[in-house]
Amino acid sequence: MVKYGYKEKAECTLCRKAHEESGSSWNRELPKETICHIQSAGCLGQKEVVTAAHNACIRELLQEIDAHGKADRHVKLLTVETESRLGTLWDEGQCMHLCSKDELWEAAKEKEMKIPWKEANEESPVSEEKYPERFWRRRLDGIGLQDDDLGSRKASSFIMLSPPS
């Protein structure tokens, strides 16, 4: 639009409108209005629609995999109908046989702590205690358990589908 003179600035008008409607403080620096930005959940004006479309697609995909998978497949999909928080799956015991919550956090800690906080600013760094909280609140698109030992779960592998952070 800027290239052809229809707009002065390349800033995303949908994000600006969302900021203005919510009354949130922003420093007047907005992302560029590109097709990629508008089609992502990063665009504040499109976030709900994009997320709803994503959730509908992944739900349909998981239902089809569950319904039409091979009969001799030894995978149990735990999240066919709804997303589940990672912490909920461990708290309800559905995944405790794989490892403890402490073991999983230790394995994921380094990577999780490299993911930046969207609401963080340079003046007040995020405390280290907040990282495990965010990790256990993470909502997974899908999760399945593969039983290699015909149901004994002694040799299970863990399959997760998660949106990028």
N, C-alpha and C. Protein backbone atom coordinates (compact mmCIF):
# COMPACT_ATOMS: atom_id res chain seq x y z
N MET A 1 0.83 -1.18 0.00
CA MET A 1 0.00 0.00 0.00
C MET A 1 0.89 1.26 0.00
N VAL A 2 1.95 1.23 0.81
CA VAL A 2 2.86 2.36 0.86
C VAL A 2 3.56 2.50 -0.48
N LYS A 3 3.96 1.38 -1.05
CA LYS A 3 4.69 1.37 -2.32
C LYS A 3 3.90 2.06 -3.43
N TYR A 4 2.60 1.93 -3.40
CA TYR A 4 1.77 2.52 -4.46
C TYR A 4 1.10 3.82 -4.03
N GLY A 5 1.48 4.34 -2.86
CA GLY A 5 1.00 5.64 -2.42
C GLY A 5 -0.37 5.66 -1.77
N TYR A 6 -0.91 4.51 -1.41
CA TYR A 6 -2.22 4.46 -0.77
C TYR A 6 -2.14 4.78 0.73
N LYS A 7 -0.96 4.57 1.30
CA LYS A 7 -0.75 4.84 2.72
C LYS A 7 0.59 5.55 2.88
N GLU A 8 0.71 6.34 3.96
CA GLU A 8 1.97 7.01 4.24
C GLU A 8 2.96 6.09 4.95
N LYS A 9 2.45 5.31 5.89
CA LYS A 9 3.30 4.44 6.71
C LYS A 9 2.92 2.98 6.50
N ALA A 10 3.91 2.10 6.72
CA ALA A 10 3.67 0.66 6.55
C ALA A 10 3.13 0.00 7.82
N GLU A 11 2.80 0.80 8.84
CA GLU A 11 2.34 0.22 10.10
C GLU A 11 0.99 -0.46 9.96
N CYS A 12 0.79 -1.47 10.79
CA CYS A 12 -0.44 -2.25 10.74
C CYS A 12 -1.62 -1.45 11.31
N THR A 13 -2.58 -1.15 10.47
CA THR A 13 -3.75 -0.38 10.91
C THR A 13 -4.64 -1.20 11.85
N LEU A 14 -4.65 -2.52 11.68
CA LEU A 14 -5.44 -3.39 12.56
C LEU A 14 -4.87 -3.39 13.98
N CYS A 15 -3.55 -3.42 14.11
CA CYS A 15 -2.92 -3.36 15.43
C CYS A 15 -3.16 -2.00 16.07
N ARG A 16 -3.04 -0.93 15.29
CA ARG A 16 -3.28 0.41 15.83
C ARG A 16 -4.71 0.53 16.36
N LYS A 17 -5.66 0.06 15.57
CA LYS A 17 -7.07 0.12 15.97
C LYS A 17 -7.30 -0.70 17.25
N ALA A 18 -6.68 -1.89 17.35
CA ALA A 18 -6.83 -2.74 18.53
C ALA A 18 -6.26 -2.04 19.76
N HIS A 19 -5.11 -1.39 19.61
CA HIS A 19 -4.51 -0.65 20.73
C HIS A 19 -5.42 0.49 21.16
N GLU A 20 -5.94 1.23 20.20
CA GLU A 20 -6.80 2.37 20.52
C GLU A 20 -8.09 1.93 21.19
N GLU A 21 -8.69 0.84 20.71
CA GLU A 21 -9.95 0.35 21.29
C GLU A 21 -9.76 -0.19 22.70
N SER A 22 -8.61 -0.81 22.95
CA SER A 22 -8.38 -1.39 24.28
C SER A 22 -7.85 -0.36 25.28
N GLY A 23 -7.39 0.76 24.76
CA GLY A 23 -6.85 1.79 25.64
C GLY A 23 -5.48 1.43 26.20
N SER A 24 -4.84 0.45 25.58
CA SER A 24 -3.53 0.02 26.07
C SER A 24 -2.47 1.05 25.70
N SER A 25 -1.44 1.08 26.50
CA SER A 25 -0.36 2.02 26.21
C SER A 25 0.57 1.38 25.18
N TRP A 26 0.97 2.15 24.22
CA TRP A 26 1.89 1.67 23.20
C TRP A 26 2.73 2.85 22.77
N ASN A 27 3.92 2.57 22.33
CA ASN A 27 4.86 3.63 22.01
C ASN A 27 4.81 4.07 20.55
N ARG A 28 3.66 3.88 19.93
CA ARG A 28 3.43 4.27 18.54
C ARG A 28 4.32 3.55 17.53
N GLU A 29 4.99 2.49 17.96
CA GLU A 29 5.75 1.66 17.04
C GLU A 29 4.93 0.41 16.78
N LEU A 30 4.49 0.26 15.57
CA LEU A 30 3.64 -0.87 15.20
C LEU A 30 4.35 -1.74 14.18
N PRO A 31 3.99 -3.02 14.13
CA PRO A 31 4.59 -3.90 13.11
C PRO A 31 4.15 -3.47 11.72
N LYS A 32 4.95 -3.86 10.73
CA LYS A 32 4.59 -3.58 9.34
C LYS A 32 3.37 -4.41 8.96
N GLU A 33 2.49 -3.81 8.19
CA GLU A 33 1.28 -4.48 7.74
C GLU A 33 1.60 -5.30 6.50
N THR A 34 2.00 -6.54 6.73
CA THR A 34 2.29 -7.47 5.64
C THR A 34 1.26 -8.58 5.66
N ILE A 35 1.18 -9.31 4.59
CA ILE A 35 0.25 -10.45 4.54
C ILE A 35 0.60 -11.45 5.64
N CYS A 36 1.88 -11.72 5.80
CA CYS A 36 2.33 -12.66 6.83
C CYS A 36 1.89 -12.18 8.21
N HIS A 37 2.07 -10.90 8.50
CA HIS A 37 1.69 -10.37 9.81
C HIS A 37 0.19 -10.48 10.03
N ILE A 38 -0.61 -10.09 9.05
CA ILE A 38 -2.07 -10.09 9.19
C ILE A 38 -2.60 -11.51 9.37
N GLN A 39 -1.95 -12.48 8.73
CA GLN A 39 -2.42 -13.86 8.82
C GLN A 39 -1.88 -14.58 10.05
N SER A 40 -1.15 -13.89 10.90
CA SER A 40 -0.60 -14.52 12.09
C SER A 40 -1.35 -14.06 13.34
N ALA A 41 -1.18 -14.81 14.40
CA ALA A 41 -1.79 -14.40 15.67
C ALA A 41 -1.02 -13.24 16.29
N GLY A 42 0.05 -12.81 15.64
CA GLY A 42 0.81 -11.66 16.11
C GLY A 42 0.12 -10.35 15.83
N CYS A 43 -0.82 -10.34 14.90
CA CYS A 43 -1.58 -9.14 14.58
C CYS A 43 -2.71 -9.03 15.60
N LEU A 44 -2.68 -7.98 16.39
CA LEU A 44 -3.68 -7.83 17.46
C LEU A 44 -5.11 -7.76 16.92
N GLY A 45 -5.28 -7.19 15.74
CA GLY A 45 -6.61 -7.07 15.16
C GLY A 45 -7.15 -8.38 14.60
N GLN A 46 -6.28 -9.32 14.34
CA GLN A 46 -6.69 -10.60 13.74
C GLN A 46 -6.49 -11.78 14.68
N LYS A 47 -5.93 -11.54 15.85
CA LYS A 47 -5.53 -12.61 16.75
C LYS A 47 -6.65 -13.61 17.03
N GLU A 48 -7.84 -13.13 17.38
CA GLU A 48 -8.94 -14.03 17.73
C GLU A 48 -9.36 -14.88 16.53
N VAL A 49 -9.47 -14.26 15.37
CA VAL A 49 -9.91 -14.98 14.17
C VAL A 49 -8.88 -16.01 13.75
N VAL A 50 -7.61 -15.62 13.75
CA VAL A 50 -6.54 -16.52 13.35
C VAL A 50 -6.45 -17.70 14.33
N THR A 51 -6.55 -17.41 15.62
CA THR A 51 -6.49 -18.47 16.63
C THR A 51 -7.68 -19.42 16.50
N ALA A 52 -8.87 -18.88 16.27
CA ALA A 52 -10.06 -19.72 16.10
C ALA A 52 -9.91 -20.62 14.87
N ALA A 53 -9.39 -20.08 13.78
CA ALA A 53 -9.19 -20.88 12.56
C ALA A 53 -8.15 -21.98 12.82
N HIS A 54 -7.07 -21.62 13.48
CA HIS A 54 -6.03 -22.60 13.82
C HIS A 54 -6.61 -23.73 14.67
N ASN A 55 -7.35 -23.35 15.72
CA ASN A 55 -7.93 -24.36 16.62
C ASN A 55 -8.92 -25.26 15.89
N ALA A 56 -9.72 -24.71 15.00
CA ALA A 56 -10.68 -25.52 14.24
C ALA A 56 -9.94 -26.52 13.34
N CYS A 57 -8.88 -26.06 12.70
CA CYS A 57 -8.11 -26.95 11.80
C CYS A 57 -7.42 -28.07 12.57
N ILE A 58 -6.77 -27.73 13.68
CA ILE A 58 -6.04 -28.77 14.41
C ILE A 58 -7.01 -29.75 15.05
N ARG A 59 -8.16 -29.27 15.52
CA ARG A 59 -9.15 -30.15 16.12
C ARG A 59 -9.67 -31.15 15.07
N GLU A 60 -10.00 -30.64 13.89
CA GLU A 60 -10.46 -31.51 12.79
C GLU A 60 -9.40 -32.53 12.42
N LEU A 61 -8.17 -32.09 12.33
CA LEU A 61 -7.06 -32.98 11.99
C LEU A 61 -6.92 -34.09 13.03
N LEU A 62 -6.93 -33.74 14.31
CA LEU A 62 -6.79 -34.75 15.36
C LEU A 62 -7.98 -35.71 15.38
N GLN A 63 -9.18 -35.20 15.15
CA GLN A 63 -10.35 -36.08 15.11
C GLN A 63 -10.25 -37.07 13.95
N GLU A 64 -9.79 -36.60 12.80
CA GLU A 64 -9.64 -37.49 11.64
C GLU A 64 -8.54 -38.53 11.88
N ILE A 65 -7.44 -38.11 12.48
CA ILE A 65 -6.36 -39.06 12.79
C ILE A 65 -6.87 -40.12 13.76
N ASP A 66 -7.61 -39.68 14.77
CA ASP A 66 -8.14 -40.60 15.78
C ASP A 66 -9.15 -41.57 15.16
N ALA A 67 -10.03 -41.05 14.31
CA ALA A 67 -11.10 -41.88 13.74
C ALA A 67 -10.60 -42.82 12.64
N HIS A 68 -9.62 -42.39 11.87
CA HIS A 68 -9.23 -43.16 10.69
C HIS A 68 -7.82 -43.73 10.77
N GLY A 69 -7.24 -43.71 11.96
CA GLY A 69 -5.90 -44.28 12.12
C GLY A 69 -5.93 -45.78 11.97
N LYS A 70 -4.78 -46.35 11.76
CA LYS A 70 -4.68 -47.80 11.64
C LYS A 70 -5.13 -48.48 12.93
N ALA A 71 -5.81 -49.60 12.78
CA ALA A 71 -6.33 -50.32 13.94
C ALA A 71 -5.21 -50.85 14.82
N ASP A 72 -4.06 -51.18 14.22
CA ASP A 72 -2.96 -51.73 15.00
C ASP A 72 -2.03 -50.64 15.55
N ARG A 73 -2.42 -49.41 15.39
CA ARG A 73 -1.63 -48.29 15.91
C ARG A 73 -1.76 -48.29 17.43
N HIS A 74 -0.67 -48.03 18.09
CA HIS A 74 -0.69 -48.01 19.55
C HIS A 74 -0.45 -46.59 20.05
N VAL A 75 -1.27 -45.66 19.56
CA VAL A 75 -1.19 -44.27 19.98
C VAL A 75 -2.53 -43.87 20.57
N LYS A 76 -2.48 -43.30 21.74
CA LYS A 76 -3.69 -42.78 22.37
C LYS A 76 -3.59 -41.26 22.34
N LEU A 77 -4.51 -40.62 21.62
CA LEU A 77 -4.54 -39.16 21.58
C LEU A 77 -5.31 -38.67 22.81
N LEU A 78 -4.65 -37.84 23.61
CA LEU A 78 -5.25 -37.38 24.86
C LEU A 78 -6.06 -36.10 24.68
N THR A 79 -5.84 -35.40 23.59
CA THR A 79 -6.45 -34.08 23.43
C THR A 79 -7.21 -33.96 22.12
N VAL A 80 -8.07 -34.91 21.84
CA VAL A 80 -8.80 -34.90 20.58
C VAL A 80 -9.86 -33.79 20.56
N GLU A 81 -10.59 -33.63 21.62
CA GLU A 81 -11.70 -32.67 21.64
C GLU A 81 -11.27 -31.26 22.06
N THR A 82 -10.38 -31.15 23.01
CA THR A 82 -9.99 -29.83 23.51
C THR A 82 -8.49 -29.79 23.78
N GLU A 83 -7.97 -28.56 23.80
CA GLU A 83 -6.58 -28.37 24.19
C GLU A 83 -6.47 -28.64 25.68
N SER A 84 -5.29 -28.98 26.12
CA SER A 84 -5.03 -29.14 27.54
C SER A 84 -3.75 -28.42 27.90
N ARG A 85 -3.73 -27.88 29.09
CA ARG A 85 -2.50 -27.27 29.57
C ARG A 85 -1.54 -28.40 29.95
N LEU A 86 -0.27 -28.14 29.73
CA LEU A 86 0.74 -29.13 30.04
C LEU A 86 0.66 -29.55 31.51
N GLY A 87 0.50 -28.59 32.40
CA GLY A 87 0.40 -28.89 33.82
C GLY A 87 -0.79 -29.76 34.15
N THR A 88 -1.91 -29.54 33.48
CA THR A 88 -3.12 -30.33 33.73
C THR A 88 -2.89 -31.79 33.38
N LEU A 89 -2.21 -32.05 32.27
CA LEU A 89 -1.95 -33.43 31.87
C LEU A 89 -1.11 -34.16 32.92
N TRP A 90 -0.17 -33.45 33.54
CA TRP A 90 0.64 -34.08 34.58
C TRP A 90 -0.12 -34.13 35.90
N ASP A 91 -0.86 -33.08 36.24
CA ASP A 91 -1.61 -33.06 37.50
C ASP A 91 -2.68 -34.15 37.54
N GLU A 92 -3.31 -34.42 36.40
CA GLU A 92 -4.35 -35.45 36.33
C GLU A 92 -3.77 -36.85 36.18
N GLY A 93 -2.46 -36.94 36.10
CA GLY A 93 -1.81 -38.24 36.07
C GLY A 93 -1.76 -38.92 34.73
N GLN A 94 -2.22 -38.27 33.66
CA GLN A 94 -2.25 -38.92 32.36
C GLN A 94 -0.84 -39.14 31.79
N CYS A 95 0.12 -38.37 32.26
CA CYS A 95 1.48 -38.46 31.71
C CYS A 95 2.53 -38.71 32.77
N MET A 96 2.13 -38.92 34.00
CA MET A 96 3.09 -39.10 35.09
C MET A 96 3.97 -40.33 34.91
N HIS A 97 3.50 -41.32 34.17
CA HIS A 97 4.31 -42.53 33.98
C HIS A 97 5.51 -42.27 33.08
N LEU A 98 5.49 -41.17 32.34
CA LEU A 98 6.62 -40.84 31.47
C LEU A 98 7.78 -40.27 32.27
N CYS A 99 7.46 -39.32 33.13
CA CYS A 99 8.45 -38.70 34.01
C CYS A 99 7.71 -37.81 35.00
N SER A 100 8.39 -37.36 36.02
CA SER A 100 7.76 -36.48 36.99
C SER A 100 7.73 -35.06 36.44
N LYS A 101 6.94 -34.19 37.07
CA LYS A 101 6.89 -32.79 36.65
C LYS A 101 8.27 -32.15 36.80
N ASP A 102 8.98 -32.49 37.88
CA ASP A 102 10.31 -31.93 38.10
C ASP A 102 11.28 -32.36 37.00
N GLU A 103 11.20 -33.63 36.60
CA GLU A 103 12.09 -34.12 35.53
C GLU A 103 11.79 -33.43 34.21
N LEU A 104 10.51 -33.24 33.90
CA LEU A 104 10.15 -32.57 32.65
C LEU A 104 10.61 -31.11 32.67
N TRP A 105 10.38 -30.42 33.79
CA TRP A 105 10.81 -29.03 33.87
C TRP A 105 12.33 -28.92 33.72
N GLU A 106 13.08 -29.80 34.35
CA GLU A 106 14.54 -29.75 34.22
C GLU A 106 14.98 -29.97 32.77
N ALA A 107 14.29 -30.86 32.06
CA ALA A 107 14.63 -31.13 30.66
C ALA A 107 14.27 -29.95 29.76
N ALA A 108 13.22 -29.21 30.10
CA ALA A 108 12.73 -28.12 29.25
C ALA A 108 13.22 -26.74 29.68
N LYS A 109 13.78 -26.63 30.87
CA LYS A 109 14.10 -25.34 31.49
C LYS A 109 14.97 -24.45 30.61
N GLU A 110 16.04 -24.98 30.11
CA GLU A 110 16.98 -24.16 29.33
C GLU A 110 16.31 -23.55 28.09
N LYS A 111 15.56 -24.37 27.38
CA LYS A 111 14.88 -23.87 26.18
C LYS A 111 13.76 -22.88 26.53
N GLU A 112 12.99 -23.19 27.56
CA GLU A 112 11.89 -22.32 27.97
C GLU A 112 12.40 -20.94 28.38
N MET A 113 13.52 -20.89 29.05
CA MET A 113 14.04 -19.62 29.54
C MET A 113 14.65 -18.77 28.43
N LYS A 114 14.84 -19.35 27.25
CA LYS A 114 15.33 -18.58 26.10
C LYS A 114 14.18 -17.90 25.34
N ILE A 115 12.95 -18.32 25.60
CA ILE A 115 11.79 -17.73 24.92
C ILE A 115 11.49 -16.38 25.55
N PRO A 116 11.51 -15.30 24.77
CA PRO A 116 11.28 -13.98 25.35
C PRO A 116 9.84 -13.79 25.81
N TRP A 117 9.68 -12.91 26.79
CA TRP A 117 8.36 -12.56 27.30
C TRP A 117 7.83 -11.42 26.46
N LYS A 118 6.61 -11.54 25.98
CA LYS A 118 6.01 -10.50 25.15
C LYS A 118 5.75 -9.23 25.94
N GLU A 119 5.38 -9.36 27.21
CA GLU A 119 5.02 -8.19 28.00
C GLU A 119 6.19 -7.65 28.82
N ALA A 120 7.37 -8.23 28.67
CA ALA A 120 8.53 -7.78 29.46
C ALA A 120 9.11 -6.50 28.88
N ASN A 121 9.69 -5.69 29.75
CA ASN A 121 10.42 -4.53 29.28
C ASN A 121 11.80 -4.52 29.94
N GLU A 122 12.66 -3.67 29.44
CA GLU A 122 14.04 -3.66 29.91
C GLU A 122 14.16 -3.19 31.35
N GLU A 123 13.24 -2.37 31.81
CA GLU A 123 13.33 -1.79 33.15
C GLU A 123 13.04 -2.81 34.25
N SER A 124 12.12 -3.71 34.01
CA SER A 124 11.79 -4.72 35.03
C SER A 124 11.90 -6.11 34.42
N PRO A 125 13.04 -6.79 34.62
CA PRO A 125 13.21 -8.13 34.06
C PRO A 125 12.26 -9.13 34.72
N VAL A 126 11.94 -10.17 34.00
CA VAL A 126 11.02 -11.20 34.49
C VAL A 126 11.78 -12.09 35.47
N SER A 127 11.16 -12.36 36.61
CA SER A 127 11.82 -13.21 37.61
C SER A 127 11.84 -14.66 37.14
N GLU A 128 12.84 -15.36 37.63
CA GLU A 128 13.04 -16.75 37.21
C GLU A 128 11.88 -17.66 37.61
N GLU A 129 11.14 -17.30 38.67
CA GLU A 129 10.02 -18.12 39.12
C GLU A 129 8.86 -18.12 38.12
N LYS A 130 8.79 -17.11 37.27
CA LYS A 130 7.68 -17.00 36.32
C LYS A 130 7.81 -17.99 35.16
N TYR A 131 9.02 -18.41 34.85
CA TYR A 131 9.22 -19.31 33.71
C TYR A 131 8.54 -20.66 33.88
N PRO A 132 8.68 -21.33 35.04
CA PRO A 132 7.95 -22.60 35.19
C PRO A 132 6.43 -22.41 35.14
N GLU A 133 5.94 -21.30 35.69
CA GLU A 133 4.50 -21.02 35.64
C GLU A 133 4.03 -20.94 34.19
N ARG A 134 4.78 -20.21 33.36
CA ARG A 134 4.41 -20.09 31.95
C ARG A 134 4.48 -21.46 31.26
N PHE A 135 5.52 -22.23 31.57
CA PHE A 135 5.69 -23.54 30.96
C PHE A 135 4.50 -24.45 31.26
N TRP A 136 4.06 -24.52 32.52
CA TRP A 136 2.97 -25.41 32.89
C TRP A 136 1.62 -24.90 32.42
N ARG A 137 1.51 -23.61 32.09
CA ARG A 137 0.26 -23.06 31.53
C ARG A 137 0.20 -23.24 30.02
N ARG A 138 1.30 -23.65 29.40
CA ARG A 138 1.35 -23.78 27.94
C ARG A 138 0.24 -24.71 27.46
N ARG A 139 -0.52 -24.23 26.48
CA ARG A 139 -1.63 -25.02 25.93
C ARG A 139 -1.13 -25.75 24.68
N LEU A 140 -1.34 -27.02 24.66
CA LEU A 140 -0.88 -27.85 23.55
C LEU A 140 -2.00 -28.08 22.56
N ASP A 141 -1.66 -28.06 21.29
CA ASP A 141 -2.65 -28.38 20.26
C ASP A 141 -3.07 -29.84 20.36
N GLY A 142 -2.11 -30.68 20.54
CA GLY A 142 -2.42 -32.10 20.61
C GLY A 142 -1.32 -32.84 21.33
N ILE A 143 -1.72 -33.93 21.93
CA ILE A 143 -0.73 -34.76 22.62
C ILE A 143 -1.18 -36.21 22.51
N GLY A 144 -0.22 -37.06 22.27
CA GLY A 144 -0.52 -38.48 22.15
C GLY A 144 0.56 -39.30 22.82
N LEU A 145 0.18 -40.45 23.25
CA LEU A 145 1.12 -41.40 23.85
C LEU A 145 1.20 -42.61 22.95
N GLN A 146 2.41 -42.99 22.60
CA GLN A 146 2.61 -44.16 21.77
C GLN A 146 3.13 -45.29 22.63
N ASP A 147 2.38 -46.38 22.66
CA ASP A 147 2.75 -47.54 23.46
C ASP A 147 3.45 -48.54 22.56
N ASP A 148 4.75 -48.68 22.75
CA ASP A 148 5.52 -49.62 21.95
C ASP A 148 5.45 -51.04 22.51
N ASP A 149 4.98 -51.14 23.75
CA ASP A 149 4.96 -52.43 24.41
C ASP A 149 3.53 -52.90 24.64
N LEU A 150 2.69 -52.72 23.63
CA LEU A 150 1.31 -53.17 23.64
C LEU A 150 0.55 -52.79 24.91
N GLY A 151 0.59 -51.53 25.23
CA GLY A 151 -0.24 -51.05 26.32
C GLY A 151 0.41 -50.98 27.68
N SER A 152 1.59 -51.52 27.85
CA SER A 152 2.18 -51.48 29.19
C SER A 152 2.77 -50.12 29.51
N ARG A 153 2.98 -49.33 28.52
CA ARG A 153 3.54 -47.99 28.64
C ARG A 153 4.93 -47.99 29.26
N LYS A 154 5.59 -49.12 29.26
CA LYS A 154 6.97 -49.16 29.73
C LYS A 154 7.88 -48.48 28.72
N ALA A 155 7.52 -48.60 27.46
CA ALA A 155 8.34 -47.99 26.41
C ALA A 155 7.45 -47.05 25.61
N SER A 156 7.10 -45.93 26.22
CA SER A 156 6.21 -44.97 25.58
C SER A 156 7.01 -43.83 24.99
N SER A 157 6.52 -43.30 23.92
CA SER A 157 7.09 -42.04 23.45
C SER A 157 5.98 -41.01 23.52
N PHE A 158 6.38 -39.79 23.62
CA PHE A 158 5.51 -38.67 23.90
C PHE A 158 5.46 -37.81 22.64
N ILE A 159 4.29 -37.58 22.10
CA ILE A 159 4.14 -36.80 20.87
C ILE A 159 3.35 -35.54 21.22
N MET A 160 3.95 -34.38 20.96
CA MET A 160 3.26 -33.12 21.26
C MET A 160 3.20 -32.26 20.01
N LEU A 161 2.08 -31.63 19.81
CA LEU A 161 1.95 -30.61 18.79
C LEU A 161 1.70 -29.31 19.54
N SER A 162 2.55 -28.36 19.34
CA SER A 162 2.41 -27.11 20.07
C SER A 162 2.65 -25.94 19.13
N PRO A 163 1.84 -24.90 19.25
CA PRO A 163 2.09 -23.74 18.41
C PRO A 163 3.39 -23.08 18.81
N PRO A 164 4.07 -22.46 17.86
CA PRO A 164 5.31 -21.78 18.21
C PRO A 164 5.06 -20.66 19.18
N SER A 165 6.02 -20.44 20.03
CA SER A 165 5.87 -19.37 21.03
C SER A 165 6.19 -18.03 20.45
